[in-house]
Amino acid sequence: MSDDLKLGHLKIDQLGYVYKDIEKQAKIMENMFGVSKFVIFDPVDVKVNYRGVNKTIKMKAGFGTLYDDTQIELLQPVEGESMYNEFLDQGREGFHHILYIVDNLQAVINKYKEAGIIVIQSGKVMRSSYVYMDTEETLGIIVEFAKEGKRGRRKKE
C-alpha cells in the first residue's frame, strides 16, 4: 500500500459513535468528557449502498468537537437496514469508526480491495462521498474515508 494511503500518514478527522439514543449520549459526552455542545439534527432520509444493495435509511445525527479540531459524530438509525443497525443488533453501542479525509477516494478503495478489504457501506452527504471499509477484523474498528466535493461557483447576475 502506498505511503499516502497508510493510516499513520493521515489525520483523524472524526470519531464516529452509534447509539440507540444520541441525545442522551450527547449530554454525557458534553458534561463528563468536555465535548462541545452537540448540534443534533432531526431524522433524515439517506441513500446508501449497504453490502452491495442500494437502500434508503432514516438517520438521526449529532455533531460536536473535541480538541478544537476532531469532530465527534453521533449516529442513531431510525429506519432501514444499515451497518449502524448491524452494530446495534450485535448488542453494541459506542465507538464505531474513525474518518479520514482523502483526495482520491477511488484510489483508497482500490488499494484496500487489493488487500482483501471491501466496502461495507457507501454514499454521499451533500458534496462529500464516503465509504466505510471492512477493517474491523484486522484493525478492531471500522475505517471511513471521505472525499469532500468542490463547491460550485455562483454566477453573478
C-alpha atoms as a PDB file:
ATOM      1  CA  MET A   1       0.000   0.000   0.000  1.00  0.00           C
ATOM      2  CA  SER A   2       1.465   3.377  -0.946  1.00  0.00           C
ATOM      3  CA  ASP A   3       2.599   5.621   1.918  1.00  0.00           C
ATOM      4  CA  ASP A   4      -0.066   8.236   1.242  1.00  0.00           C
ATOM      5  CA  LEU A   5      -2.768   5.611   1.885  1.00  0.00           C
ATOM      6  CA  LYS A   6      -1.337   4.255   5.154  1.00  0.00           C
ATOM      7  CA  LEU A   7      -3.351   5.376   8.175  1.00  0.00           C
ATOM      8  CA  GLY A   8      -0.274   6.648  10.015  1.00  0.00           C
ATOM      9  CA  HIS A   9       0.211   9.240   7.278  1.00  0.00           C
ATOM     10  CA  LEU A  10      -3.318  10.636   7.596  1.00  0.00           C
ATOM     11  CA  LYS A  11      -5.019  12.881  10.155  1.00  0.00           C
ATOM     12  CA  ILE A  12      -8.046  11.519  12.009  1.00  0.00           C
ATOM     13  CA  ASP A  13     -10.814  13.983  11.160  1.00  0.00           C
ATOM     14  CA  GLN A  14     -13.704  12.372  13.008  1.00  0.00           C
ATOM     15  CA  LEU A  15     -14.567   9.813  15.671  1.00  0.00           C
ATOM     16  CA  GLY A  16     -17.923   8.173  14.995  1.00  0.00           C
ATOM     17  CA  TYR A  17     -20.231   6.603  17.572  1.00  0.00           C
ATOM     18  CA  VAL A  18     -23.508   4.703  17.191  1.00  0.00           C
ATOM     19  CA  TYR A  19     -26.154   4.743  19.915  1.00  0.00           C
ATOM     20  CA  LYS A  20     -29.829   3.961  20.398  1.00  0.00           C
ATOM     21  CA  ASP A  21     -30.327   7.442  21.921  1.00  0.00           C
ATOM     22  CA  ILE A  22     -27.876  10.097  20.733  1.00  0.00           C
ATOM     23  CA  GLU A  23     -29.469  12.934  22.682  1.00  0.00           C
ATOM     24  CA  LYS A  24     -28.814  11.112  25.972  1.00  0.00           C
ATOM     25  CA  GLN A  25     -25.262  10.296  24.894  1.00  0.00           C
ATOM     26  CA  ALA A  26     -24.583  13.865  23.738  1.00  0.00           C
ATOM     27  CA  LYS A  27     -25.322  15.155  27.253  1.00  0.00           C
ATOM     28  CA  ILE A  28     -22.976  12.560  28.775  1.00  0.00           C
ATOM     29  CA  MET A  29     -20.173  13.489  26.383  1.00  0.00           C
ATOM     30  CA  GLU A  30     -20.684  17.214  26.940  1.00  0.00           C
ATOM     31  CA  ASN A  31     -20.860  17.014  30.745  1.00  0.00           C
ATOM     32  CA  MET A  32     -18.311  14.305  31.511  1.00  0.00           C
ATOM     33  CA  PHE A  33     -15.802  14.445  28.668  1.00  0.00           C
ATOM     34  CA  GLY A  34     -15.661  18.086  27.582  1.00  0.00           C
ATOM     35  CA  VAL A  35     -17.006  17.636  24.076  1.00  0.00           C
ATOM     36  CA  SER A  36     -18.506  20.863  22.735  1.00  0.00           C
ATOM     37  CA  LYS A  37     -22.280  21.244  22.728  1.00  0.00           C
ATOM     38  CA  PHE A  38     -23.692  18.907  20.098  1.00  0.00           C
ATOM     39  CA  VAL A  39     -25.814  20.067  17.216  1.00  0.00           C
ATOM     40  CA  ILE A  40     -28.409  17.335  16.752  1.00  0.00           C
ATOM     41  CA  PHE A  41     -30.423  17.123  13.557  1.00  0.00           C
ATOM     42  CA  ASP A  42     -33.896  15.689  13.097  1.00  0.00           C
ATOM     43  CA  PRO A  43     -34.014  12.315  11.338  1.00  0.00           C
ATOM     44  CA  VAL A  44     -33.460  12.491   7.575  1.00  0.00           C
ATOM     45  CA  ASP A  45     -33.642  10.006   4.711  1.00  0.00           C
ATOM     46  CA  VAL A  46     -30.212   8.971   3.469  1.00  0.00           C
ATOM     47  CA  LYS A  47     -29.422   6.957   0.347  1.00  0.00           C
ATOM     48  CA  VAL A  48     -26.710   4.357   0.946  1.00  0.00           C
ATOM     49  CA  ASN A  49     -25.236   1.308  -0.677  1.00  0.00           C
ATOM     50  CA  TYR A  50     -25.128  -1.260   2.125  1.00  0.00           C
ATOM     51  CA  ARG A  51     -23.346  -4.508   1.354  1.00  0.00           C
ATOM     52  CA  GLY A  52     -23.903  -4.016  -2.372  1.00  0.00           C
ATOM     53  CA  VAL A  53     -27.594  -3.081  -2.204  1.00  0.00           C
ATOM     54  CA  ASN A  54     -28.949   0.455  -2.686  1.00  0.00           C
ATOM     55  CA  LYS A  55     -31.217   1.429   0.191  1.00  0.00           C
ATOM     56  CA  THR A  56     -32.842   4.465   1.756  1.00  0.00           C
ATOM     57  CA  ILE A  57     -32.466   4.650   5.507  1.00  0.00           C
ATOM     58  CA  LYS A  58     -33.581   7.198   8.067  1.00  0.00           C
ATOM     59  CA  MET A  59     -30.882   8.518  10.408  1.00  0.00           C
ATOM     60  CA  LYS A  60     -30.572  10.957  13.257  1.00  0.00           C
ATOM     61  CA  ALA A  61     -27.136  12.570  13.649  1.00  0.00           C
ATOM     62  CA  GLY A  62     -25.362  14.893  16.043  1.00  0.00           C
ATOM     63  CA  PHE A  63     -22.007  16.654  15.796  1.00  0.00           C
ATOM     64  CA  GLY A  64     -19.665  18.053  18.412  1.00  0.00           C
ATOM     65  CA  THR A  65     -15.944  18.841  18.617  1.00  0.00           C
ATOM     66  CA  LEU A  66     -13.115  17.525  20.759  1.00  0.00           C
ATOM     67  CA  TYR A  67      -9.611  19.037  20.982  1.00  0.00           C
ATOM     68  CA  ASP A  68     -10.700  22.001  18.834  1.00  0.00           C
ATOM     69  CA  ASP A  69     -10.468  20.093  15.543  1.00  0.00           C
ATOM     70  CA  THR A  70     -11.665  16.487  15.877  1.00  0.00           C
ATOM     71  CA  GLN A  71     -15.321  16.104  15.017  1.00  0.00           C
ATOM     72  CA  ILE A  72     -17.397  13.757  17.151  1.00  0.00           C
ATOM     73  CA  GLU A  73     -20.282  12.222  15.210  1.00  0.00           C
ATOM     74  CA  LEU A  74     -23.204  10.530  16.943  1.00  0.00           C
ATOM     75  CA  LEU A  75     -25.442   8.357  14.766  1.00  0.00           C
ATOM     76  CA  GLN A  76     -28.818   6.825  15.574  1.00  0.00           C
ATOM     77  CA  PRO A  77     -30.533   4.633  12.982  1.00  0.00           C
ATOM     78  CA  VAL A  78     -34.284   5.241  12.862  1.00  0.00           C
ATOM     79  CA  GLU A  79     -35.498   3.119   9.908  1.00  0.00           C
ATOM     80  CA  GLY A  80     -33.991   0.742   7.369  1.00  0.00           C
ATOM     81  CA  GLU A  81     -31.073  -1.684   7.224  1.00  0.00           C
ATOM     82  CA  SER A  82     -27.564  -0.311   7.527  1.00  0.00           C
ATOM     83  CA  MET A  83     -24.223  -1.002   9.122  1.00  0.00           C
ATOM     84  CA  TYR A  84     -25.399   1.069  12.090  1.00  0.00           C
ATOM     85  CA  ASN A  85     -28.322  -1.292  12.772  1.00  0.00           C
ATOM     86  CA  GLU A  86     -25.945  -4.217  12.292  1.00  0.00           C
ATOM     87  CA  PHE A  87     -23.758  -2.764  15.058  1.00  0.00           C
ATOM     88  CA  LEU A  88     -26.698  -2.242  17.444  1.00  0.00           C
ATOM     89  CA  ASP A  89     -28.183  -5.664  16.601  1.00  0.00           C
ATOM     90  CA  GLN A  90     -24.931  -7.210  17.849  1.00  0.00           C
ATOM     91  CA  GLY A  91     -25.745  -5.707  21.248  1.00  0.00           C
ATOM     92  CA  ARG A  92     -23.145  -2.984  20.850  1.00  0.00           C
ATOM     93  CA  GLU A  93     -23.234   0.774  21.340  1.00  0.00           C
ATOM     94  CA  GLY A  94     -20.417   3.309  21.349  1.00  0.00           C
ATOM     95  CA  PHE A  95     -17.233   3.852  19.366  1.00  0.00           C
ATOM     96  CA  HIS A  96     -17.850   2.701  15.808  1.00  0.00           C
ATOM     97  CA  HIS A  97     -15.478   4.276  13.283  1.00  0.00           C
ATOM     98  CA  ILE A  98     -12.731   6.753  12.510  1.00  0.00           C
ATOM     99  CA  LEU A  99     -12.854   9.048   9.496  1.00  0.00           C
ATOM    100  CA  TYR A 100     -10.019  10.214   7.290  1.00  0.00           C
ATOM    101  CA  ILE A 101     -10.461  12.812   4.525  1.00  0.00           C
ATOM    102  CA  VAL A 102      -8.596  11.804   1.360  1.00  0.00           C
ATOM    103  CA  ASP A 103      -8.053  13.412  -2.037  1.00  0.00           C
ATOM    104  CA  ASN A 104      -8.661  10.293  -4.131  1.00  0.00           C
ATOM    105  CA  LEU A 105     -11.394   8.078  -2.719  1.00  0.00           C
ATOM    106  CA  GLN A 106     -11.294   5.576  -5.582  1.00  0.00           C
ATOM    107  CA  ALA A 107      -7.544   5.043  -5.126  1.00  0.00           C
ATOM    108  CA  VAL A 108      -8.148   4.204  -1.455  1.00  0.00           C
ATOM    109  CA  ILE A 109     -10.943   1.771  -2.334  1.00  0.00           C
ATOM    110  CA  ASN A 110      -8.729   0.094  -4.946  1.00  0.00           C
ATOM    111  CA  LYS A 111      -5.742  -0.255  -2.601  1.00  0.00           C
ATOM    112  CA  TYR A 112      -7.835  -1.698   0.211  1.00  0.00           C
ATOM    113  CA  LYS A 113      -9.599  -4.043  -2.229  1.00  0.00           C
ATOM    114  CA  GLU A 114      -6.167  -5.344  -3.320  1.00  0.00           C
ATOM    115  CA  ALA A 115      -5.562  -6.189   0.345  1.00  0.00           C
ATOM    116  CA  GLY A 116      -8.886  -8.081   0.533  1.00  0.00           C
ATOM    117  CA  ILE A 117     -10.747  -5.334   2.408  1.00  0.00           C
ATOM    118  CA  ILE A 118     -14.154  -4.484   0.977  1.00  0.00           C
ATOM    119  CA  VAL A 119     -16.570  -1.569   1.236  1.00  0.00           C
ATOM    120  CA  ILE A 120     -19.375  -2.231   3.743  1.00  0.00           C
ATOM    121  CA  GLN A 121     -21.382   0.907   3.073  1.00  0.00           C
ATOM    122  CA  SER A 122     -21.027   3.988   0.899  1.00  0.00           C
ATOM    123  CA  GLY A 123     -22.948   7.084  -0.007  1.00  0.00           C
ATOM    124  CA  LYS A 124     -22.975  10.842  -0.411  1.00  0.00           C
ATOM    125  CA  VAL A 125     -23.786  13.589   2.042  1.00  0.00           C
ATOM    126  CA  MET A 126     -24.207  16.965   0.393  1.00  0.00           C
ATOM    127  CA  ARG A 127     -20.972  17.377  -1.640  1.00  0.00           C
ATOM    128  CA  SER A 128     -18.952  14.633   0.082  1.00  0.00           C
ATOM    129  CA  SER A 129     -18.661  10.984  -0.919  1.00  0.00           C
ATOM    130  CA  TYR A 130     -17.767   8.397   1.714  1.00  0.00           C
ATOM    131  CA  VAL A 131     -17.006   4.702   2.149  1.00  0.00           C
ATOM    132  CA  TYR A 132     -16.787   2.504   5.215  1.00  0.00           C
ATOM    133  CA  MET A 133     -14.144  -0.192   4.791  1.00  0.00           C
ATOM    134  CA  ASP A 134     -14.472  -3.625   6.433  1.00  0.00           C
ATOM    135  CA  THR A 135     -11.433  -3.229   8.701  1.00  0.00           C
ATOM    136  CA  GLU A 136     -12.975  -4.386  11.965  1.00  0.00           C
ATOM    137  CA  GLU A 137     -11.405  -7.875  11.972  1.00  0.00           C
ATOM    138  CA  THR A 138      -7.939  -6.603  11.028  1.00  0.00           C
ATOM    139  CA  LEU A 139      -7.919  -3.296  12.935  1.00  0.00           C
ATOM    140  CA  GLY A 140     -10.624  -3.691  15.574  1.00  0.00           C
ATOM    141  CA  ILE A 141     -12.625  -0.753  14.239  1.00  0.00           C
ATOM    142  CA  ILE A 142     -14.288   0.393  11.025  1.00  0.00           C
ATOM    143  CA  VAL A 143     -12.376   2.926   8.935  1.00  0.00           C
ATOM    144  CA  GLU A 144     -14.312   5.522   6.933  1.00  0.00           C
ATOM    145  CA  PHE A 145     -12.768   7.529   4.117  1.00  0.00           C
ATOM    146  CA  ALA A 146     -14.383  10.586   2.573  1.00  0.00           C
ATOM    147  CA  LYS A 147     -13.645  12.952  -0.250  1.00  0.00           C
ATOM    148  CA  GLU A 148     -15.025  16.432   0.083  1.00  0.00           C
ATOM    149  CA  GLY A 149     -16.709  17.720  -3.052  1.00  0.00           C
ATOM    150  CA  LYS A 150     -15.911  21.012  -4.663  1.00  0.00           C
ATOM    151  CA  ARG A 151     -18.238  23.929  -4.232  1.00  0.00           C
ATOM    152  CA  GLY A 152     -19.875  25.229  -7.337  1.00  0.00           C
ATOM    153  CA  ARG A 153     -19.448  28.878  -8.171  1.00  0.00           C
ATOM    154  CA  ARG A 154     -22.448  31.123  -8.171  1.00  0.00           C
ATOM    155  CA  LYS A 155     -22.884  33.069 -11.334  1.00  0.00           C
ATOM    156  CA  LYS A 156     -23.079  36.812 -10.970  1.00  0.00           C
ATOM    157  CA  GLU A 157     -26.332  38.251 -12.161  1.00  0.00           C
END
